[in-house]
Amino acid sequence: MSAQSATAGTFDLSFTKLSGLTGGTPQGTAVYRADLSSIGFDISSIAITDSNSGTGGFSGGFSGFDLDAIKLSNTLINNAANVNSIAGLSVFDFSPTGTMFMAGNQRSPVDPSLFGTTGSNIDNLVATLQSFDGNSTTDSSASGFVSLGDGGKIGFNLTSTVSTSRPLYLYIGEVGDNGEVIEGQITVSDEPISIPEPTSLAALSLMGIYFTTRGNKRRKIA
């Protein structure tokens, strides 16, 4: 399947699951592909929202959607084992400057922070979102991914605008192969993401603040 109907420069994406798995040890990352070719606008940002279904993932710091990696590429592949070998576009900044994070809720028992985060930001030394290398486990050997928490959100402002006038594919790695990519919401936009302070999900929900792109393209947190 490919990207669906556009509204004001924003696409809700649908994905095709690649065959096989990839990742670290143990290897349990499912890879999903969305075709962004000719969607009608250039891309400035990508946002991922956990479905808040309370299913998939684990408890505590491993709650919610577990993101192994994200890649934009002009190369089409069909097998997850090949995702690290294809060239990706160098447009991601995984520092707090380019990566916006709003932690979701943890399932009991609660840990000090979600895995792969500092609590309020992504810790990319742990998450390594540039590589599909996640160890698909929740024990002390876990590494190479970030857990969003139930209802959590992560957004990426690209370092340069990406044209969709030629073949372009978005690859997402889901640790644990729980189908959370299909259940969640993943969008691309022609506008950068702007997230106001405070950045905690609970505070934003209480205040009715929006996870928004500049202008009128916005989605209210449930």
Protein backbone atom coordinates (compact mmCIF):
# COMPACT_ATOMS: atom_id res chain seq x y z
CA MET A 1 0.00 0.00 0.00
CA SER A 2 1.09 3.59 -0.49
CA ALA A 3 0.43 6.96 1.11
CA GLN A 4 -3.24 7.84 1.36
CA SER A 5 -5.13 11.08 0.68
CA ALA A 6 -3.40 14.36 1.48
CA THR A 7 -4.92 17.14 3.56
CA ALA A 8 -3.21 20.56 3.70
CA GLY A 9 0.24 19.17 2.99
CA THR A 10 0.11 16.24 5.43
CA PHE A 11 -0.16 12.54 4.62
CA ASP A 12 -1.27 9.73 6.91
CA LEU A 13 0.85 6.81 5.73
CA SER A 14 0.05 3.16 5.22
CA PHE A 15 2.76 0.54 5.14
CA THR A 16 3.82 -2.72 3.53
CA LYS A 17 5.56 -5.20 5.82
CA LEU A 18 8.81 -6.55 4.37
CA SER A 19 9.56 -10.25 4.52
CA GLY A 20 11.89 -11.54 7.22
CA LEU A 21 13.32 -9.78 10.26
CA THR A 22 16.43 -7.78 11.06
CA GLY A 23 18.10 -6.23 14.12
CA GLY A 24 20.67 -7.22 16.71
CA THR A 25 20.69 -10.15 19.13
CA PRO A 26 18.12 -11.52 19.41
CA GLN A 27 16.97 -10.43 15.98
CA GLY A 28 13.31 -9.46 16.11
CA THR A 29 12.80 -6.20 14.21
CA ALA A 30 10.03 -6.07 11.60
CA VAL A 31 10.56 -3.52 8.83
CA TYR A 32 7.73 -1.62 7.17
CA ARG A 33 7.90 0.43 3.96
CA ALA A 34 5.78 3.38 2.78
CA ASP A 35 5.99 4.67 -0.79
CA LEU A 36 6.30 8.46 -0.73
CA SER A 37 6.89 8.88 -4.46
CA SER A 38 4.89 11.65 -6.11
CA ILE A 39 2.71 12.48 -3.08
CA GLY A 40 2.49 16.05 -4.28
CA PHE A 41 4.73 17.95 -1.88
CA ASP A 42 8.27 17.92 -0.54
CA ILE A 43 8.80 16.53 2.97
CA SER A 44 10.11 18.56 5.90
CA SER A 45 9.08 16.41 8.87
CA ILE A 46 7.93 12.94 9.93
CA ALA A 47 5.84 12.13 13.02
CA ILE A 48 5.10 8.79 14.70
CA THR A 49 2.33 8.30 17.27
CA ASP A 50 1.78 5.18 19.37
CA SER A 51 -1.74 3.79 18.99
CA ASN A 52 -2.38 3.98 22.77
CA SER A 53 -4.11 0.61 22.49
CA GLY A 54 -2.25 -0.81 25.48
CA THR A 55 -1.29 -3.87 23.44
CA GLY A 56 2.11 -4.82 22.08
CA GLY A 57 5.29 -3.74 23.71
CA PHE A 58 5.93 -4.63 27.35
CA SER A 59 5.56 -2.85 30.68
CA GLY A 60 7.47 -0.10 32.49
CA GLY A 61 10.17 1.53 30.40
CA PHE A 62 9.42 -0.77 27.46
CA SER A 63 5.75 0.26 27.15
CA GLY A 64 4.29 1.22 23.79
CA PHE A 65 5.74 1.24 20.31
CA ASP A 66 9.43 0.27 20.18
CA LEU A 67 11.17 2.09 17.32
CA ASP A 68 14.39 0.46 16.14
CA ALA A 69 15.28 2.87 13.33
CA ILE A 70 13.96 5.13 10.59
CA LYS A 71 15.35 5.64 7.09
CA LEU A 72 14.45 7.53 3.92
CA SER A 73 15.88 5.99 0.77
CA ASN A 74 15.50 6.12 -3.00
CA THR A 75 16.04 2.34 -3.10
CA LEU A 76 13.18 -0.18 -3.05
CA ILE A 77 13.72 -3.41 -1.09
CA ASN A 78 11.36 -6.19 -0.08
CA ASN A 79 13.36 -8.07 2.56
CA ALA A 80 14.10 -6.70 6.03
CA ALA A 81 17.58 -8.24 5.98
CA ASN A 82 18.64 -5.69 3.33
CA VAL A 83 17.55 -2.49 5.08
CA ASN A 84 20.94 -1.64 6.61
CA SER A 85 22.77 -2.14 3.32
CA ILE A 86 20.81 0.36 1.21
CA ALA A 87 21.85 4.01 1.06
CA GLY A 88 19.75 6.33 3.18
CA LEU A 89 19.30 10.07 2.76
CA SER A 90 21.38 12.03 5.26
CA VAL A 91 18.52 14.23 6.48
CA PHE A 92 17.94 13.10 10.09
CA ASP A 93 19.24 14.92 13.17
CA PHE A 94 18.72 12.55 16.10
CA SER A 95 19.80 15.10 18.69
CA PRO A 96 17.16 16.92 20.83
CA THR A 97 17.42 19.80 18.34
CA GLY A 98 16.02 17.76 15.46
CA THR A 99 14.05 15.08 17.31
CA MET A 100 10.92 16.01 19.24
CA PHE A 101 9.73 13.54 21.89
CA MET A 102 6.62 13.36 24.06
CA ALA A 103 6.71 10.40 26.41
CA GLY A 104 3.62 8.22 26.61
CA ASN A 105 2.32 6.39 29.66
CA GLN A 106 4.09 3.41 31.19
CA ARG A 107 2.31 0.23 32.19
CA SER A 108 2.87 -0.84 35.78
CA PRO A 109 5.46 -1.24 37.24
CA VAL A 110 6.78 2.16 36.20
CA ASP A 111 10.49 2.80 35.52
CA PRO A 112 12.29 6.15 35.92
CA SER A 113 12.16 6.70 32.15
CA LEU A 114 11.19 5.01 28.91
CA PHE A 115 13.93 2.90 27.35
CA GLY A 116 16.21 4.82 25.00
CA THR A 117 15.28 8.18 26.51
CA THR A 118 16.48 10.56 29.18
CA GLY A 119 12.85 11.00 30.21
CA SER A 120 12.24 14.13 28.14
CA ASN A 121 14.51 13.49 25.13
CA ILE A 122 15.72 10.61 22.99
CA ASP A 123 19.09 9.22 24.11
CA ASN A 124 20.44 8.25 20.71
CA LEU A 125 23.57 6.69 22.20
CA VAL A 126 21.15 3.97 23.35
CA ALA A 127 18.42 4.22 20.71
CA THR A 128 20.75 4.38 17.64
CA LEU A 129 17.83 5.36 15.40
CA GLN A 130 20.13 5.57 12.38
CA SER A 131 20.65 1.78 12.38
CA PHE A 132 18.33 -1.24 12.40
CA ASP A 133 20.25 -2.93 15.19
CA GLY A 134 17.85 -3.34 18.11
CA ASN A 135 18.28 -6.25 20.51
CA SER A 136 14.72 -7.55 20.73
CA THR A 137 14.61 -8.12 24.48
CA THR A 138 13.60 -6.37 27.69
CA ASP A 139 16.46 -7.63 29.87
CA SER A 140 19.85 -6.03 30.57
CA SER A 141 21.04 -6.70 27.01
CA ALA A 142 18.37 -4.47 25.46
CA SER A 143 19.84 -1.82 23.16
CA GLY A 144 19.40 -0.07 19.84
CA PHE A 145 15.81 1.22 20.09
CA VAL A 146 13.47 3.63 21.87
CA SER A 147 10.11 2.90 23.53
CA LEU A 148 7.50 5.63 23.06
CA GLY A 149 5.12 4.60 25.86
CA ASP A 150 1.36 4.23 25.37
CA GLY A 151 0.19 7.22 23.35
CA GLY A 152 3.72 8.61 23.01
CA LYS A 153 4.90 10.65 20.06
CA ILE A 154 8.17 11.24 18.26
CA GLY A 155 8.80 13.73 15.47
CA PHE A 156 11.75 14.35 13.17
CA ASN A 157 12.50 17.71 11.57
CA LEU A 158 14.59 16.89 8.51
CA THR A 159 17.83 18.81 8.03
CA SER A 160 16.83 19.58 4.44
CA THR A 161 13.62 19.31 2.47
CA VAL A 162 13.25 15.99 0.62
CA SER A 163 11.77 15.92 -2.87
CA THR A 164 9.15 13.30 -3.74
CA SER A 165 9.45 13.80 -7.48
CA ARG A 166 11.56 10.63 -7.77
CA PRO A 167 11.19 7.21 -6.10
CA LEU A 168 11.28 7.70 -2.31
CA TYR A 169 10.60 5.17 0.44
CA LEU A 170 10.27 5.47 4.20
CA TYR A 171 11.45 2.47 6.22
CA ILE A 172 10.43 2.01 9.87
CA GLY A 173 11.82 -0.69 12.19
CA GLU A 174 9.51 -2.10 14.88
CA VAL A 175 11.24 -4.10 17.61
CA GLY A 176 9.36 -7.24 18.65
CA ASP A 177 7.25 -7.57 15.47
CA ASN A 178 4.01 -6.73 17.32
CA GLY A 179 2.21 -4.97 14.47
CA GLU A 180 2.33 -1.58 16.20
CA VAL A 181 3.40 0.24 13.02
CA ILE A 182 0.09 -0.68 11.42
CA GLU A 183 -1.94 0.35 14.50
CA GLY A 184 -0.18 3.66 15.10
CA GLN A 185 -0.28 6.90 13.13
CA ILE A 186 2.69 7.93 11.02
CA THR A 187 2.57 11.15 9.00
CA VAL A 188 4.80 13.21 6.76
CA SER A 189 4.39 16.95 6.31
CA ASP A 190 5.73 19.80 4.20
CA GLU A 191 6.12 21.85 7.40
CA PRO A 192 8.54 21.43 10.31
CA ILE A 193 7.17 20.26 13.64
CA SER A 194 6.78 22.80 16.41
CA ILE A 195 6.20 21.42 19.92
CA PRO A 196 5.53 23.92 22.72
CA GLU A 197 6.73 23.60 26.29
CA PRO A 198 6.14 21.74 28.54
CA THR A 199 6.97 18.55 26.62
CA SER A 200 5.51 15.88 28.93
CA LEU A 201 2.50 14.11 27.46
CA ALA A 202 0.46 14.43 30.65
CA ALA A 203 0.98 18.18 30.89
CA LEU A 204 0.16 18.67 27.23
CA SER A 205 -3.04 16.66 27.56
CA LEU A 206 -4.19 18.66 30.58
CA MET A 207 -3.53 21.95 28.84
CA GLY A 208 -5.10 20.88 25.53
CA ILE A 209 -1.94 21.75 23.63
CA TYR A 210 -1.37 20.34 20.15
CA PHE A 211 1.36 18.27 18.59
CA THR A 212 1.49 20.59 15.60
CA THR A 213 3.26 21.68 12.50
CA ARG A 214 3.49 25.39 11.90
CA GLY A 215 0.35 26.77 10.31
CA ASN A 216 -3.00 25.01 10.41
CA LYS A 217 -1.87 21.39 10.06
CA ARG A 218 -2.31 19.94 13.54
CA ARG A 219 -3.66 16.97 15.45
CA LYS A 220 -4.93 17.19 19.02
CA ILE A 221 -3.54 14.84 21.63
CA ALA A 222 -6.26 12.53 22.87
